[in-house]
PDB file of N, CA and C in Angstrom:
ATOM      1  N   MET A   1      10.251 -42.071  -8.715  1.00  0.00           N
ATOM      2  CA  MET A   1      11.276 -41.921  -8.139  1.00  0.00           C
ATOM      3  C   MET A   1      12.620 -42.579  -8.291  1.00  0.00           C
ATOM      4  N   GLY A   2      13.513 -41.999  -8.188  1.00  0.00           N
ATOM      5  CA  GLY A   2      14.883 -42.709  -7.845  1.00  0.00           C
ATOM      6  C   GLY A   2      15.488 -42.783  -6.292  1.00  0.00           C
ATOM      7  N   ASN A   3      16.029 -43.191  -6.188  1.00  0.00           N
ATOM      8  CA  ASN A   3      16.999 -43.444  -4.488  1.00  0.00           C
ATOM      9  C   ASN A   3      17.712 -41.705  -4.154  1.00  0.00           C
ATOM     10  N   ILE A   4      17.037 -41.779  -3.213  1.00  0.00           N
ATOM     11  CA  ILE A   4      17.303 -40.193  -2.587  1.00  0.00           C
ATOM     12  C   ILE A   4      19.064 -39.867  -2.377  1.00  0.00           C
ATOM     13  N   GLU A   5      19.420 -41.401  -1.961  1.00  0.00           N
ATOM     14  CA  GLU A   5      20.853 -41.580  -1.494  1.00  0.00           C
ATOM     15  C   GLU A   5      21.679 -41.232  -2.681  1.00  0.00           C
ATOM     16  N   PHE A   6      21.589 -41.013  -4.308  1.00  0.00           N
ATOM     17  CA  PHE A   6      22.157 -40.924  -5.212  1.00  0.00           C
ATOM     18  C   PHE A   6      21.123 -40.094  -5.958  1.00  0.00           C
ATOM     19  N   ALA A   7      20.701 -39.156  -5.063  1.00  0.00           N
ATOM     20  CA  ALA A   7      19.855 -37.689  -6.501  1.00  0.00           C
ATOM     21  C   ALA A   7      20.882 -36.738  -6.246  1.00  0.00           C
ATOM     22  N   GLU A   8      21.474 -36.534  -7.089  1.00  0.00           N
ATOM     23  CA  GLU A   8      22.318 -34.977  -7.654  1.00  0.00           C
ATOM     24  C   GLU A   8      21.700 -33.793  -6.753  1.00  0.00           C
ATOM     25  N   PHE A   9      21.842 -33.539  -5.821  1.00  0.00           N
ATOM     26  CA  PHE A   9      21.176 -31.746  -4.678  1.00  0.00           C
ATOM     27  C   PHE A   9      22.180 -30.235  -5.504  1.00  0.00           C
ATOM     28  N   GLY A  10      21.795 -29.610  -5.432  1.00  0.00           N
ATOM     29  CA  GLY A  10      22.735 -28.451  -5.289  1.00  0.00           C
ATOM     30  C   GLY A  10      22.119 -27.640  -4.539  1.00  0.00           C
ATOM     31  N   ILE A  11      22.921 -25.868  -3.865  1.00  0.00           N
ATOM     32  CA  ILE A  11      22.929 -24.790  -2.987  1.00  0.00           C
ATOM     33  C   ILE A  11      21.840 -24.358  -3.882  1.00  0.00           C
ATOM     34  N   VAL A  12      20.660 -23.904  -3.114  1.00  0.00           N
ATOM     35  CA  VAL A  12      19.776 -22.598  -3.836  1.00  0.00           C
ATOM     36  C   VAL A  12      19.734 -22.086  -3.239  1.00  0.00           C
ATOM     37  N   VAL A  13      19.501 -20.134  -3.681  1.00  0.00           N
ATOM     38  CA  VAL A  13      19.276 -19.208  -2.680  1.00  0.00           C
ATOM     39  C   VAL A  13      18.404 -18.483  -3.117  1.00  0.00           C
ATOM     40  N   ASN A  14      17.802 -17.484  -2.629  1.00  0.00           N
ATOM     41  CA  ASN A  14      16.428 -16.951  -2.700  1.00  0.00           C
ATOM     42  C   ASN A  14      16.724 -15.642  -2.410  1.00  0.00           C
ATOM     43  N   GLU A  15      15.564 -14.420  -2.579  1.00  0.00           N
ATOM     44  CA  GLU A  15      15.286 -13.482  -2.953  1.00  0.00           C
ATOM     45  C   GLU A  15      15.859 -12.812  -1.622  1.00  0.00           C
ATOM     46  N   GLU A  16      15.692 -13.107  -0.015  1.00  0.00           N
ATOM     47  CA  GLU A  16      15.869 -12.570   0.353  1.00  0.00           C
ATOM     48  C   GLU A  16      17.735 -13.227   1.197  1.00  0.00           C
ATOM     49  N   GLN A  17      18.080 -13.693  -0.192  1.00  0.00           N
ATOM     50  CA  GLN A  17      19.889 -14.376   0.218  1.00  0.00           C
ATOM     51  C   GLN A  17      19.921 -15.655   0.910  1.00  0.00           C
ATOM     52  N   GLN A  18      18.660 -16.658   1.367  1.00  0.00           N
ATOM     53  CA  GLN A  18      18.755 -17.572   2.033  1.00  0.00           C
ATOM     54  C   GLN A  18      19.426 -18.400   1.558  1.00  0.00           C
ATOM     55  N   PHE A  19      19.993 -19.761   1.682  1.00  0.00           N
ATOM     56  CA  PHE A  19      20.528 -21.090   1.028  1.00  0.00           C
ATOM     57  C   PHE A  19      19.941 -22.183   1.743  1.00  0.00           C
ATOM     58  N   SER A  20      20.151 -23.000   0.736  1.00  0.00           N
ATOM     59  CA  SER A  20      19.277 -23.935   0.715  1.00  0.00           C
ATOM     60  C   SER A  20      19.532 -25.459   0.184  1.00  0.00           C
ATOM     61  N   VAL A  21      19.523 -26.527   0.683  1.00  0.00           N
ATOM     62  CA  VAL A  21      20.005 -27.600   0.115  1.00  0.00           C
ATOM     63  C   VAL A  21      18.691 -27.764  -1.178  1.00  0.00           C
ATOM     64  N   TRP A  22      18.621 -28.476  -2.300  1.00  0.00           N
ATOM     65  CA  TRP A  22      17.650 -28.743  -3.156  1.00  0.00           C
ATOM     66  C   TRP A  22      18.263 -29.733  -4.066  1.00  0.00           C
ATOM     67  N   PRO A  23      16.919 -30.503  -4.469  1.00  0.00           N
ATOM     68  CA  PRO A  23      17.359 -31.917  -5.580  1.00  0.00           C
ATOM     69  C   PRO A  23      17.651 -31.364  -6.861  1.00  0.00           C
ATOM     70  N   THR A  24      18.843 -31.319  -7.885  1.00  0.00           N
ATOM     71  CA  THR A  24      18.803 -30.813  -9.217  1.00  0.00           C
ATOM     72  C   THR A  24      17.621 -31.280 -10.323  1.00  0.00           C
ATOM     73  N   HIS A  25      16.865 -32.520  -9.996  1.00  0.00           N
ATOM     74  CA  HIS A  25      15.835 -32.797 -10.806  1.00  0.00           C
ATOM     75  C   HIS A  25      14.305 -32.425 -10.323  1.00  0.00           C
ATOM     76  N   LEU A  26      14.389 -31.932  -9.889  1.00  0.00           N
ATOM     77  CA  LEU A  26      12.874 -31.015  -9.068  1.00  0.00           C
ATOM     78  C   LEU A  26      13.176 -29.443  -9.797  1.00  0.00           C
ATOM     79  N   ARG A  27      11.725 -29.076 -10.267  1.00  0.00           N
ATOM     80  CA  ARG A  27      11.451 -27.505 -10.124  1.00  0.00           C
ATOM     81  C   ARG A  27      12.233 -26.719  -8.680  1.00  0.00           C
ATOM     82  N   LEU A  28      12.105 -25.681  -9.008  1.00  0.00           N
ATOM     83  CA  LEU A  28      12.980 -24.735  -8.173  1.00  0.00           C
ATOM     84  C   LEU A  28      11.630 -23.898  -7.773  1.00  0.00           C
ATOM     85  N   PRO A  29      11.668 -23.531  -6.584  1.00  0.00           N
ATOM     86  CA  PRO A  29      10.794 -23.053  -6.232  1.00  0.00           C
ATOM     87  C   PRO A  29      10.611 -21.191  -6.748  1.00  0.00           C
ATOM     88  N   PRO A  30       9.372 -20.159  -6.737  1.00  0.00           N
ATOM     89  CA  PRO A  30       9.357 -19.306  -7.264  1.00  0.00           C
ATOM     90  C   PRO A  30      10.670 -18.190  -6.128  1.00  0.00           C
ATOM     91  N   GLY A  31      12.016 -17.379  -7.133  1.00  0.00           N
ATOM     92  CA  GLY A  31      12.587 -16.702  -6.813  1.00  0.00           C
ATOM     93  C   GLY A  31      13.608 -17.344  -6.477  1.00  0.00           C
ATOM     94  N   CYS A  32      14.209 -18.721  -6.412  1.00  0.00           N
ATOM     95  CA  CYS A  32      14.719 -19.489  -5.722  1.00  0.00           C
ATOM     96  C   CYS A  32      15.954 -19.579  -7.083  1.00  0.00           C
ATOM     97  N   ARG A  33      17.156 -19.549  -7.194  1.00  0.00           N
ATOM     98  CA  ARG A  33      18.222 -19.973  -8.395  1.00  0.00           C
ATOM     99  C   ARG A  33      19.502 -21.118  -7.658  1.00  0.00           C
ATOM    100  N   PHE A  34      19.969 -21.972  -8.535  1.00  0.00           N
ATOM    101  CA  PHE A  34      20.928 -22.577  -8.123  1.00  0.00           C
ATOM    102  C   PHE A  34      22.321 -21.666  -8.059  1.00  0.00           C
ATOM    103  N   ALA A  35      22.834 -21.901  -6.746  1.00  0.00           N
ATOM    104  CA  ALA A  35      24.061 -20.566  -6.910  1.00  0.00           C
ATOM    105  C   ALA A  35      25.352 -22.143  -5.933  1.00  0.00           C
ATOM    106  N   GLY A  36      26.307 -22.111  -6.854  1.00  0.00           N
ATOM    107  CA  GLY A  36      26.922 -23.208  -6.320  1.00  0.00           C
ATOM    108  C   GLY A  36      27.300 -24.536  -6.826  1.00  0.00           C
ATOM    109  N   PRO A  37      28.097 -25.392  -6.452  1.00  0.00           N
ATOM    110  CA  PRO A  37      28.227 -26.765  -7.190  1.00  0.00           C
ATOM    111  C   PRO A  37      27.341 -27.972  -6.532  1.00  0.00           C
ATOM    112  N   VAL A  38      27.514 -29.023  -7.170  1.00  0.00           N
ATOM    113  CA  VAL A  38      26.108 -29.718  -7.004  1.00  0.00           C
ATOM    114  C   VAL A  38      26.817 -31.001  -6.298  1.00  0.00           C
ATOM    115  N   GLY A  39      25.798 -31.872  -5.714  1.00  0.00           N
ATOM    116  CA  GLY A  39      26.629 -33.025  -5.477  1.00  0.00           C
ATOM    117  C   GLY A  39      25.847 -34.125  -4.279  1.00  0.00           C
ATOM    118  N   THR A  40      26.349 -34.837  -3.538  1.00  0.00           N
ATOM    119  CA  THR A  40      25.082 -35.604  -2.668  1.00  0.00           C
ATOM    120  C   THR A  40      24.499 -34.371  -1.136  1.00  0.00           C
ATOM    121  N   ASN A  41      23.318 -34.160  -0.934  1.00  0.00           N
ATOM    122  CA  ASN A  41      22.900 -33.749   0.322  1.00  0.00           C
ATOM    123  C   ASN A  41      23.594 -33.876   0.777  1.00  0.00           C
ATOM    124  N   LEU A  42      24.458 -34.953   1.645  1.00  0.00           N
ATOM    125  CA  LEU A  42      25.318 -34.510   2.585  1.00  0.00           C
ATOM    126  C   LEU A  42      26.591 -33.870   2.038  1.00  0.00           C
ATOM    127  N   GLU A  43      27.062 -33.966   0.756  1.00  0.00           N
ATOM    128  CA  GLU A  43      28.448 -33.225   0.937  1.00  0.00           C
ATOM    129  C   GLU A  43      27.631 -31.319   0.611  1.00  0.00           C
ATOM    130  N   MET A  44      26.247 -30.894   0.329  1.00  0.00           N
ATOM    131  CA  MET A  44      25.890 -29.829  -0.175  1.00  0.00           C
ATOM    132  C   MET A  44      25.582 -29.790   1.306  1.00  0.00           C
ATOM    133  N   GLN A  45      25.642 -30.204   2.312  1.00  0.00           N
ATOM    134  CA  GLN A  45      24.608 -29.738   3.826  1.00  0.00           C
ATOM    135  C   GLN A  45      25.997 -29.281   4.285  1.00  0.00           C
ATOM    136  N   VAL A  46      26.911 -29.997   4.171  1.00  0.00           N
ATOM    137  CA  VAL A  46      28.753 -29.737   4.969  1.00  0.00           C
ATOM    138  C   VAL A  46      28.759 -28.713   4.350  1.00  0.00           C
ATOM    139  N   LEU A  47      28.994 -28.363   2.651  1.00  0.00           N
ATOM    140  CA  LEU A  47      29.055 -26.420   2.194  1.00  0.00           C
ATOM    141  C   LEU A  47      28.343 -25.930   2.817  1.00  0.00           C
ATOM    142  N   ILE A  48      26.740 -26.221   2.735  1.00  0.00           N
ATOM    143  CA  ILE A  48      26.469 -24.518   3.310  1.00  0.00           C
ATOM    144  C   ILE A  48      27.202 -24.303   4.711  1.00  0.00           C
ATOM    145  N   GLN A  49      27.834 -25.707   5.856  1.00  0.00           N
ATOM    146  CA  GLN A  49      27.446 -24.967   7.126  1.00  0.00           C
ATOM    147  C   GLN A  49      29.019 -24.616   7.495  1.00  0.00           C
ATOM    148  N   GLN A  50      29.855 -25.076   6.366  1.00  0.00           N
ATOM    149  CA  GLN A  50      31.142 -24.358   5.680  1.00  0.00           C
ATOM    150  C   GLN A  50      31.447 -23.007   5.383  1.00  0.00           C
ATOM    151  N   GLN A  51      30.666 -22.831   4.408  1.00  0.00           N
ATOM    152  CA  GLN A  51      31.072 -21.392   3.553  1.00  0.00           C
ATOM    153  C   GLN A  51      29.463 -20.464   3.542  1.00  0.00           C
ATOM    154  N   PHE A  52      28.948 -20.962   3.927  1.00  0.00           N
ATOM    155  CA  PHE A  52      27.853 -19.964   3.986  1.00  0.00           C
ATOM    156  C   PHE A  52      27.519 -19.603   5.271  1.00  0.00           C
ATOM    157  N   ILE A  53      27.283 -18.056   5.874  1.00  0.00           N
ATOM    158  CA  ILE A  53      26.999 -17.253   6.857  1.00  0.00           C
ATOM    159  C   ILE A  53      25.541 -17.430   6.846  1.00  0.00           C
ATOM    160  N   GLU A  54      24.773 -17.697   8.112  1.00  0.00           N
ATOM    161  CA  GLU A  54      23.347 -17.807   8.071  1.00  0.00           C
ATOM    162  C   GLU A  54      22.661 -16.324   8.293  1.00  0.00           C
ATOM    163  N   THR A  55      22.156 -15.460   8.229  1.00  0.00           N
ATOM    164  CA  THR A  55      21.934 -13.969   8.020  1.00  0.00           C
ATOM    165  C   THR A  55      20.809 -13.360   8.091  1.00  0.00           C
ATOM    166  N   THR A  56      20.075 -12.067   8.252  1.00  0.00           N
ATOM    167  CA  THR A  56      19.070 -11.997   8.563  1.00  0.00           C
ATOM    168  C   THR A  56      18.783 -11.831   6.964  1.00  0.00           C
ATOM    169  N   PRO A  57      16.829 -12.141   6.391  1.00  0.00           N
ATOM    170  CA  PRO A  57      17.120 -12.178   5.483  1.00  0.00           C
ATOM    171  C   PRO A  57      16.658 -10.815   5.170  1.00  0.00           C
ATOM    172  N   ALA A  58      17.078 -10.463   3.358  1.00  0.00           N
ATOM    173  CA  ALA A  58      17.440  -9.857   2.451  1.00  0.00           C
ATOM    174  C   ALA A  58      16.294  -7.428   3.131  1.00  0.00           C
ATOM    175  N   THR A  59      15.141  -8.599   2.897  1.00  0.00           N
ATOM    176  CA  THR A  59      14.391  -7.408   2.935  1.00  0.00           C
ATOM    177  C   THR A  59      14.559  -6.737   4.544  1.00  0.00           C
ATOM    178  N   TYR A  60      14.574  -7.709   6.149  1.00  0.00           N
ATOM    179  CA  TYR A  60      14.846  -6.909   6.797  1.00  0.00           C
ATOM    180  C   TYR A  60      15.877  -6.298   7.041  1.00  0.00           C
ATOM    181  N   ILE A  61      17.601  -6.416   6.470  1.00  0.00           N
ATOM    182  CA  ILE A  61      18.084  -5.574   5.874  1.00  0.00           C
ATOM    183  C   ILE A  61      18.764  -4.390   5.154  1.00  0.00           C
ATOM    184  N   THR A  62      17.249  -4.025   4.190  1.00  0.00           N
ATOM    185  CA  THR A  62      17.434  -3.154   2.866  1.00  0.00           C
ATOM    186  C   THR A  62      16.912  -1.761   3.440  1.00  0.00           C
ATOM    187  N   PRO A  63      17.238  -0.607   3.442  1.00  0.00           N
ATOM    188  CA  PRO A  63      17.549   0.587   3.895  1.00  0.00           C
ATOM    189  C   PRO A  63      15.786   0.480   2.995  1.00  0.00           C
ATOM    190  N   ASP A  64      15.159   1.723   3.698  1.00  0.00           N
ATOM    191  CA  ASP A  64      14.173   1.994   2.636  1.00  0.00           C
ATOM    192  C   ASP A  64      13.998   3.402   2.817  1.00  0.00           C
ATOM    193  N   GLY A  65      14.588   3.638   3.440  1.00  0.00           N
ATOM    194  CA  GLY A  65      14.703   5.016   2.496  1.00  0.00           C
ATOM    195  C   GLY A  65      13.927   6.937   3.681  1.00  0.00           C
ATOM    196  N   ARG A  66      13.237   5.530   4.936  1.00  0.00           N
ATOM    197  CA  ARG A  66      12.435   6.331   6.109  1.00  0.00           C
ATOM    198  C   ARG A  66      13.327   7.126   6.510  1.00  0.00           C
ATOM    199  N   PHE A  67      14.205   6.706   6.958  1.00  0.00           N
ATOM    200  CA  PHE A  67      14.861   7.348   8.041  1.00  0.00           C
ATOM    201  C   PHE A  67      16.272   8.489   7.501  1.00  0.00           C
ATOM    202  N   ARG A  68      16.428   8.283   6.209  1.00  0.00           N
ATOM    203  CA  ARG A  68      17.364   8.745   5.829  1.00  0.00           C
ATOM    204  C   ARG A  68      17.986  10.099   6.607  1.00  0.00           C
ATOM    205  N   ASN A  69      16.947  11.009   6.354  1.00  0.00           N
ATOM    206  CA  ASN A  69      16.712  12.492   6.913  1.00  0.00           C
ATOM    207  C   ASN A  69      16.685  12.409   8.596  1.00  0.00           C
ATOM    208  N   SER A  70      16.648  11.447   9.494  1.00  0.00           N
ATOM    209  CA  SER A  70      16.016  11.837  10.907  1.00  0.00           C
ATOM    210  C   SER A  70      18.197  12.188  11.396  1.00  0.00           C
ATOM    211  N   GLN A  71      18.228  12.249  11.938  1.00  0.00           N
ATOM    212  CA  GLN A  71      18.682  12.660  13.067  1.00  0.00           C
ATOM    213  C   GLN A  71      18.769  11.649  14.393  1.00  0.00           C
ATOM    214  N   GLN A  72      20.340  11.545  14.989  1.00  0.00           N
ATOM    215  CA  GLN A  72      20.508  10.178  16.215  1.00  0.00           C
ATOM    216  C   GLN A  72      20.027  11.434  17.299  1.00  0.00           C
ATOM    217  N   ALA A  73      19.190  10.192  18.323  1.00  0.00           N
ATOM    218  CA  ALA A  73      19.136  11.061  19.768  1.00  0.00           C
ATOM    219  C   ALA A  73      20.653  10.657  20.267  1.00  0.00           C
ATOM    220  N   ASP A  74      20.846  11.898  21.216  1.00  0.00           N
ATOM    221  CA  ASP A  74      21.805  12.104  22.103  1.00  0.00           C
ATOM    222  C   ASP A  74      22.161  11.428  23.602  1.00  0.00           C
TER     223      ASP A  74
END
């Protein structure tokens, strides 16, 4: 394995819309895809901090229809 300082990294996103930095030479984890530019590990960490907002995973915020017809309590 090569020197990690010179490895190329990219930003990956999973099905839950969570972002992370991942080495481009490794196989992606199931359900992940590359999203955006590539660069050094540090460059990608900085990019995530600057441009990506930490959010609740998608499955926790996707409405499932159970409460669609309910009424709000006063």
